[in-house]
Protein backbone atom coordinates (compact mmCIF):
# COMPACT_ATOMS: atom_id res chain seq x y z
CA MET A 1 5.53 47.30 80.90
CA ILE A 2 6.37 43.58 80.07
CA ALA A 3 4.86 42.66 83.31
CA LEU A 4 1.47 44.33 82.36
CA LEU A 5 1.29 42.54 79.01
CA VAL A 6 1.76 39.06 80.66
CA GLY A 7 -0.69 39.71 83.39
CA ALA A 8 -3.31 40.86 80.86
CA SER A 9 -2.81 37.69 78.65
CA THR A 10 -3.04 35.28 81.43
CA PRO A 11 -6.85 35.26 81.90
CA ALA A 12 -7.38 34.84 78.15
CA LEU A 13 -5.21 31.78 78.17
CA ALA A 14 -7.06 30.44 81.10
CA GLN A 15 -10.49 30.68 79.27
CA HIS A 16 -9.25 28.57 76.37
CA GLU A 17 -7.52 25.93 78.52
CA GLY A 18 -8.84 22.61 77.67
CA HIS A 19 -10.52 23.47 74.34
CA VAL A 20 -9.39 22.17 70.90
CA MET A 21 -9.25 25.00 68.44
CA PRO A 22 -10.63 24.16 64.84
CA MET A 23 -7.84 23.64 62.33
CA PRO A 24 -7.28 26.41 59.81
CA ALA A 25 -7.84 23.75 57.02
CA LYS A 26 -11.42 23.12 57.90
CA PRO A 27 -12.86 26.16 56.13
CA VAL A 28 -12.23 24.27 52.86
CA VAL A 29 -15.49 22.44 53.74
CA LYS A 30 -17.40 25.42 52.87
CA ALA A 31 -16.41 24.81 49.25
CA LYS A 32 -18.72 21.63 49.31
CA PRO A 33 -21.95 23.68 48.70
CA ALA A 34 -20.92 23.98 44.99
CA PRO A 35 -22.08 20.37 44.24
CA LYS A 36 -25.17 20.67 46.36
CA PRO A 37 -27.34 22.53 43.83
CA PRO A 38 -27.26 19.52 41.18
CA VAL A 39 -28.16 17.23 44.12
CA LYS A 40 -31.24 19.07 45.21
CA ALA A 41 -32.25 19.34 41.61
CA VAL A 42 -32.19 15.55 41.01
CA VAL A 43 -33.70 14.78 44.48
CA LYS A 44 -36.77 16.81 43.83
CA PRO A 45 -37.90 15.12 40.65
CA LYS A 46 -37.44 11.59 42.22
CA ALA A 47 -39.95 12.45 45.00
CA ALA A 48 -42.75 13.30 42.64
CA PRO A 49 -42.46 10.07 40.42
CA ALA A 50 -42.39 7.90 43.50
CA LYS A 51 -45.74 9.06 44.57
CA SER A 52 -47.25 8.91 40.99
CA THR A 53 -46.16 5.49 40.20
CA ALA A 54 -46.79 3.91 43.53
CA LYS A 55 -50.50 3.17 42.90
CA PRO A 56 -50.31 2.04 39.38
CA LYS A 57 -47.68 -0.58 40.16
CA ALA A 58 -50.28 -2.78 41.81
CA LYS A 59 -52.46 -2.60 38.62
CA VAL A 60 -49.85 -2.83 35.79
CA PRO A 61 -49.49 -6.81 36.12
CA THR A 62 -53.25 -7.17 35.43
CA VAL A 63 -53.96 -4.64 32.80
CA LYS A 64 -50.96 -3.11 31.10
CA THR A 65 -48.59 -5.93 30.87
CA ALA A 66 -50.96 -8.57 29.42
CA PRO A 67 -50.78 -7.14 25.81
CA ALA A 68 -47.07 -6.58 25.85
CA LYS A 69 -46.34 -10.22 27.06
CA PRO A 70 -49.29 -12.60 25.93
CA VAL A 71 -49.66 -15.47 28.29
CA PRO A 72 -52.25 -18.35 27.99
CA MET A 73 -55.11 -17.42 30.28
CA ASP A 74 -56.06 -20.06 32.76
CA HIS A 75 -59.90 -19.63 32.90
CA GLY A 76 -60.17 -22.13 35.61
CA VAL A 77 -58.72 -19.84 38.28
CA MET A 78 -58.31 -16.32 37.52
CA LYS A 79 -55.97 -14.12 39.75
CA GLN A 80 -56.05 -10.37 40.51
CA GLY A 81 -53.09 -9.23 42.55
CA GLU A 82 -53.21 -11.75 45.50
CA GLN A 83 -56.84 -12.56 45.20
CA GLN A 84 -58.39 -15.62 43.40
CA THR A 85 -61.84 -15.85 41.82
CA ALA A 86 -63.95 -18.84 41.65
CA PRO A 87 -63.41 -21.18 38.65
CA MET A 88 -65.29 -19.94 35.65
CA ASP A 89 -67.50 -22.47 33.95
CA HIS A 90 -67.91 -21.53 30.19
CA GLY A 91 -70.21 -24.46 29.63
CA GLN A 92 -72.84 -22.66 31.95
CA MET A 93 -72.57 -19.35 30.21
CA ASP A 94 -75.47 -18.52 27.93
CA HIS A 95 -73.85 -16.52 25.14
CA GLY A 96 -77.24 -16.08 23.51
CA MET A 97 -78.23 -14.03 26.31
CA MET A 98 -75.12 -11.69 26.14
CA ASN A 99 -75.70 -8.41 24.62
CA HIS A 100 -72.36 -7.36 23.12
CA ASP A 101 -73.62 -4.11 21.90
CA ALA A 102 -74.34 -3.05 25.47
CA MET A 103 -71.07 -4.21 26.75
CA THR A 104 -68.71 -1.52 28.58
CA THR A 105 -65.31 -1.89 29.94
CA GLY A 106 -65.58 -4.32 32.86
CA ALA A 107 -69.32 -4.83 32.68
CA MET A 108 -71.65 -7.02 30.63
CA GLN A 109 -75.47 -6.73 30.27
CA PRO A 110 -77.74 -9.60 29.25
CA ASN A 111 -80.72 -9.20 26.65
CA PRO A 112 -84.07 -9.18 28.44
CA ALA A 113 -84.96 -12.15 25.97
CA PRO A 114 -83.45 -14.10 23.20
CA THR A 115 -84.59 -13.20 19.75
CA ILE A 116 -85.43 -15.81 16.97
CA THR A 117 -83.23 -15.60 13.95
CA PRO A 118 -84.10 -16.85 10.51
CA ASN A 119 -81.63 -19.71 10.86
CA ASP A 120 -83.28 -20.93 13.88
CA GLU A 121 -84.97 -24.36 12.90
CA THR A 122 -87.54 -23.91 15.76
CA GLY A 123 -88.60 -20.50 14.60
CA PRO A 124 -91.14 -19.27 11.92
CA VAL A 125 -90.28 -19.38 8.33
CA SER A 126 -90.71 -15.63 8.33
CA ALA A 127 -88.71 -14.87 11.33
CA ALA A 128 -86.76 -12.23 9.53
CA ASP A 129 -89.92 -10.01 9.26
CA ALA A 130 -89.38 -9.22 12.89
CA ILE A 131 -85.91 -7.87 12.16
CA TRP A 132 -86.22 -6.14 8.83
CA GLY A 133 -89.94 -5.74 8.37
CA ALA A 134 -92.51 -7.80 6.42
CA ASP A 135 -92.61 -5.50 3.28
CA VAL A 136 -88.92 -5.45 2.87
CA MET A 137 -88.55 -9.22 3.31
CA ARG A 138 -91.63 -9.81 1.02
CA ALA A 139 -89.85 -8.07 -1.87
CA SER A 140 -86.57 -9.66 -1.08
CA ARG A 141 -88.27 -13.17 -1.31
CA GLU A 142 -89.93 -12.48 -4.54
CA ALA A 143 -86.84 -11.29 -5.99
CA VAL A 144 -84.84 -14.42 -4.88
CA TYR A 145 -87.65 -16.64 -6.21
CA GLN A 146 -87.79 -14.99 -9.57
CA GLU A 147 -83.94 -15.13 -10.05
CA HIS A 148 -83.35 -18.67 -8.53
CA GLY A 149 -86.50 -20.32 -7.32
CA ASP A 150 -88.15 -20.72 -10.71
CA MET A 151 -85.25 -22.36 -12.38
CA GLN A 152 -86.36 -25.40 -14.42
CA MET A 153 -83.98 -28.36 -14.42
CA PHE A 154 -84.01 -31.85 -15.95
CA TRP A 155 -82.47 -34.83 -14.16
CA PHE A 156 -82.39 -38.38 -14.97
CA GLN A 157 -81.05 -41.28 -12.96
CA GLY A 158 -80.49 -45.08 -13.69
CA ASP A 159 -80.61 -46.26 -9.99
CA ARG A 160 -80.27 -49.96 -10.93
CA ALA A 161 -79.39 -51.41 -14.36
CA GLU A 162 -78.01 -54.87 -13.57
CA TYR A 163 -77.41 -58.39 -14.66
CA ARG A 164 -78.65 -60.99 -12.26
CA MET A 165 -77.02 -64.53 -11.65
CA ARG A 166 -79.12 -67.09 -10.08
CA ASP A 167 -80.24 -70.56 -10.11
CA GLY A 168 -81.97 -71.43 -13.43
CA LYS A 169 -81.87 -68.86 -16.03
CA ASP A 170 -80.06 -65.56 -15.41
CA GLY A 171 -82.07 -62.42 -15.54
CA TYR A 172 -81.96 -58.57 -15.75
CA LEU A 173 -83.54 -55.74 -13.92
CA TRP A 174 -83.93 -51.77 -14.46
CA ASP A 175 -84.94 -49.13 -12.16
CA VAL A 176 -84.92 -45.57 -13.66
CA GLN A 177 -86.46 -42.20 -12.70
CA GLY A 178 -86.18 -38.63 -13.43
CA TYR A 179 -87.92 -35.25 -13.33
CA TYR A 180 -88.27 -31.93 -15.09
CA GLY A 181 -89.22 -28.73 -13.07
CA GLY A 182 -88.34 -26.25 -10.31
CA ASP A 183 -87.91 -26.44 -6.59
CA LEU A 184 -91.68 -26.73 -5.76
CA ASN A 185 -93.27 -28.19 -8.75
CA LYS A 186 -92.00 -31.14 -10.79
CA PHE A 187 -93.12 -33.55 -13.50
CA TRP A 188 -91.65 -36.91 -12.33
CA PHE A 189 -91.41 -40.16 -14.29
CA LYS A 190 -90.41 -43.65 -13.15
CA SER A 191 -90.01 -47.04 -14.82
CA GLU A 192 -88.95 -50.46 -13.48
CA GLY A 193 -89.15 -54.05 -14.57
CA GLU A 194 -87.46 -57.30 -14.54
CA GLY A 195 -87.28 -60.65 -16.37
CA SER A 196 -85.10 -63.73 -17.35
CA PHE A 197 -83.16 -64.02 -20.51
CA GLY A 198 -84.85 -66.10 -23.25
CA GLU A 199 -88.33 -65.44 -21.72
CA PRO A 200 -90.98 -62.80 -21.91
CA ILE A 201 -90.54 -59.82 -19.48
CA GLU A 202 -92.10 -60.78 -16.32
CA GLN A 203 -92.98 -57.42 -15.03
CA ALA A 204 -92.66 -53.73 -16.42
CA GLU A 205 -94.44 -50.43 -15.65
CA VAL A 206 -94.07 -46.64 -16.11
CA GLN A 207 -95.36 -43.99 -13.90
CA ALA A 208 -96.17 -40.23 -14.67
CA LEU A 209 -96.32 -38.09 -11.54
CA TYR A 210 -97.06 -34.60 -10.59
CA SER A 211 -94.64 -33.88 -7.61
CA ARG A 212 -95.05 -30.94 -5.11
CA ALA A 213 -92.56 -30.06 -2.43
CA ILE A 214 -94.17 -30.36 1.11
CA ALA A 215 -91.07 -30.07 3.19
CA PRO A 216 -87.45 -29.09 2.60
CA PHE A 217 -86.66 -32.91 1.73
CA PHE A 218 -89.96 -34.39 0.70
CA ASP A 219 -92.25 -34.50 -2.14
CA LEU A 220 -95.84 -35.45 -2.42
CA GLN A 221 -96.56 -37.29 -5.65
CA ALA A 222 -99.66 -38.12 -7.50
CA GLY A 223 -100.42 -39.45 -10.93
CA VAL A 224 -100.92 -42.76 -13.02
CA ARG A 225 -99.12 -46.04 -13.44
CA GLN A 226 -99.38 -48.20 -16.40
CA ASP A 227 -98.59 -52.01 -16.33
CA LEU A 228 -96.79 -53.13 -19.61
CA THR A 229 -97.00 -56.84 -18.84
CA GLY A 230 -99.68 -59.28 -17.70
CA PRO A 231 -103.45 -58.26 -17.55
CA ASP A 232 -104.08 -54.71 -18.80
CA ARG A 233 -104.19 -52.45 -15.81
CA THR A 234 -104.01 -48.81 -15.08
CA HIS A 235 -103.42 -47.46 -11.57
CA ALA A 236 -104.04 -44.22 -9.73
CA VAL A 237 -100.96 -43.31 -7.70
CA ILE A 238 -100.34 -41.19 -4.56
CA GLY A 239 -97.26 -41.33 -2.48
CA VAL A 240 -94.33 -39.48 -0.93
CA GLN A 241 -90.59 -39.47 -1.81
CA GLY A 242 -87.63 -37.79 -0.03
CA LEU A 243 -84.89 -37.95 2.37
CA MET A 244 -85.54 -38.95 5.96
CA PRO A 245 -83.26 -38.32 8.98
CA TYR A 246 -80.08 -39.96 8.92
CA MET A 247 -80.00 -39.83 5.10
CA PHE A 248 -82.31 -42.64 4.47
CA GLU A 249 -83.90 -42.35 0.92
CA VAL A 250 -87.55 -43.44 0.98
CA ASP A 251 -90.13 -43.88 -2.02
CA ALA A 252 -93.56 -45.01 -0.71
CA ALA A 253 -96.69 -45.25 -2.86
CA ALA A 254 -100.12 -46.66 -2.84
CA PHE A 255 -101.90 -47.92 -6.14
CA LEU A 256 -105.57 -48.17 -6.76
CA SER A 257 -105.99 -50.14 -10.24
CA SER A 258 -108.78 -49.73 -12.69
CA LYS A 259 -109.99 -53.22 -11.47
CA GLY A 260 -110.45 -51.90 -7.79
CA ASP A 261 -107.34 -53.67 -6.60
CA LEU A 262 -105.37 -51.67 -3.83
CA THR A 263 -101.52 -52.32 -3.47
CA ALA A 264 -98.76 -50.36 -1.91
CA ARG A 265 -94.81 -50.37 -2.26
CA ILE A 266 -92.19 -49.19 0.06
CA GLU A 267 -88.47 -48.89 -0.84
CA ALA A 268 -85.65 -47.47 1.22
CA GLU A 269 -81.87 -47.39 0.72
CA TYR A 270 -78.94 -45.84 2.31
CA ASP A 271 -75.46 -44.92 1.11
CA GLN A 272 -72.80 -45.66 3.55
CA ARG A 273 -69.51 -44.09 2.28
CA ILE A 274 -66.46 -46.13 3.17
CA THR A 275 -64.19 -43.76 1.17
CA GLN A 276 -65.04 -40.65 -0.91
CA ARG A 277 -65.60 -43.09 -3.88
CA LEU A 278 -66.38 -46.44 -2.56
CA ILE A 279 -69.95 -46.68 -1.27
CA LEU A 280 -71.91 -49.48 0.42
CA GLN A 281 -75.63 -49.45 -0.22
CA PRO A 282 -78.16 -51.45 1.79
CA ARG A 283 -81.60 -51.46 0.24
CA ALA A 284 -85.03 -52.79 1.22
CA GLU A 285 -88.32 -53.25 -0.68
CA VAL A 286 -91.57 -54.49 0.52
CA ASN A 287 -94.92 -54.90 -1.63
CA LEU A 288 -98.31 -55.17 0.06
CA SER A 289 -101.79 -55.90 -1.18
CA ALA A 290 -105.36 -55.26 0.42
CA GLN A 291 -106.71 -58.34 -1.32
CA ASP A 292 -105.84 -61.57 -3.20
CA ILE A 293 -105.23 -61.08 -6.85
CA PRO A 294 -105.02 -64.61 -8.37
CA GLU A 295 -104.39 -63.54 -12.06
CA LEU A 296 -101.21 -61.78 -10.86
CA GLY A 297 -100.19 -64.36 -8.41
CA ILE A 298 -100.47 -61.80 -5.47
CA GLY A 299 -101.92 -62.75 -2.03
CA SER A 300 -103.31 -60.54 0.56
CA GLY A 301 -101.03 -58.77 3.07
CA VAL A 302 -97.33 -58.85 2.44
CA ASP A 303 -96.77 -59.77 -1.09
CA ASN A 304 -92.99 -60.10 -1.33
CA LEU A 305 -89.80 -58.78 0.50
CA GLU A 306 -86.45 -57.96 -1.01
CA LEU A 307 -83.16 -57.17 0.92
CA GLY A 308 -80.02 -56.23 -1.04
CA LEU A 309 -76.62 -55.12 -0.50
CA ARG A 310 -74.58 -53.37 -3.19
CA LEU A 311 -71.01 -52.14 -3.39
CA ARG A 312 -70.27 -49.48 -5.91
CA TYR A 313 -67.17 -47.38 -6.89
CA GLU A 314 -67.72 -43.91 -8.36
CA PHE A 315 -65.13 -43.41 -11.11
CA ALA A 316 -67.15 -40.05 -11.57
CA ARG A 317 -70.07 -38.94 -9.53
CA GLU A 318 -72.42 -39.52 -12.52
CA PHE A 319 -70.94 -43.21 -13.29
CA ALA A 320 -70.61 -45.93 -10.74
CA PRO A 321 -70.34 -49.70 -11.51
CA TYR A 322 -71.34 -52.06 -8.54
CA ILE A 323 -71.61 -55.51 -7.41
CA GLY A 324 -74.04 -56.94 -4.93
CA ILE A 325 -76.35 -59.64 -3.61
CA GLU A 326 -80.08 -59.60 -3.21
CA GLN A 327 -82.49 -61.98 -1.61
CA GLU A 328 -86.26 -62.07 -2.52
CA TRP A 329 -88.98 -63.97 -0.59
CA LYS A 330 -92.55 -64.49 -1.53
CA ILE A 331 -94.65 -64.35 1.58
CA GLY A 332 -98.17 -65.63 2.64
CA GLY A 333 -100.60 -66.08 -0.25
CA SER A 334 -98.18 -65.01 -2.79
CA ARG A 335 -95.71 -67.91 -1.77
CA ASP A 336 -98.51 -70.33 -2.25
CA TYR A 337 -99.27 -69.04 -5.71
CA ALA A 338 -95.61 -69.23 -6.71
CA ARG A 339 -95.33 -72.88 -5.52
CA ALA A 340 -98.56 -73.65 -7.39
CA ALA A 341 -96.99 -72.32 -10.57
CA GLY A 342 -93.67 -74.29 -9.98
CA GLU A 343 -91.64 -71.07 -8.99
CA ASP A 344 -89.25 -70.84 -6.26
CA ALA A 345 -90.65 -68.80 -3.33
CA SER A 346 -87.27 -67.74 -2.36
CA VAL A 347 -84.55 -66.53 -4.96
CA THR A 348 -80.89 -65.33 -4.29
CA ASN A 349 -79.62 -62.93 -7.09
CA TYR A 350 -75.88 -61.99 -7.51
CA VAL A 351 -75.92 -58.77 -9.18
CA VAL A 352 -73.47 -56.78 -11.44
CA GLY A 353 -74.61 -53.37 -12.66
CA VAL A 354 -74.07 -49.66 -12.94
CA ARG A 355 -75.53 -46.66 -11.51
CA PHE A 356 -75.60 -43.29 -13.46
CA TRP A 357 -77.17 -39.89 -13.62
CA PHE A 358 -77.17 -36.74 -15.75
């Protein structure tokens, strides 16, 4: 019996000879599937974001990150990813042709043609009619003119009121003017004269003029002038007065006397501000005549020339004392008349005066 059992087990042992049998403890590995469910739950969500965020990552640096972290933009060379665009020349860009209303994200469209605005100096005066309509702008202009354009104002200025020191007897001079009226139409008056202390007034005149604005900074003036010294003469006057480019103040007029004498006068001055209150003013004046006027000591052509330089200080805008120097020359026939009368043809005046207005 024992022999039979041994013989039966021998083939079975022969089959497993040379094989390593698994250890009984290894079945514990089967307990590992317990933590696998959380691992699978975490792995699946990661796969989806990896695909969805892969494409935006290339665009985030150029679009979304700019507002969060502002960095000065180099318009000379703009980068998009790894590519570089050509330098952008803003000086060559025509912003007037850019239609901002028609702009969309990433695209700009130019207007077919630039429009003329009312502020364009090269455009017509009524350029706003093209935008708002002629009827609307006509009513608006009338309302503005009635409220502001027809305002009547009074202004008076003593441009020169000065004491003159020179060889011989010292003298004096006044040059005043003013107006009353609105922006377009004014009544303008002027007076000037000069003389030496202890002697009769050498020259004095008054003018009454109608003034009409012909440009934003220029008036056309016409009226009469009455001489208060010398032979009795009344003159018809026509001239212009205003502000030229570069802030030169100009007053030019022609005079036709009751005796038929034709003369002219041109004055120009310029205020050069050294400080807000200290002002240097060069001034020039030239008088001309179409004919000789012996009784007035005036020769034909250029009668006389005056060049002056005054330095004033404005304690207030309306009150400014000054000092200066002015040179006068009689020229041509007027010089001959002056020498014949025993007068100097060239005079240097050192002046002290005040300029005021209200």
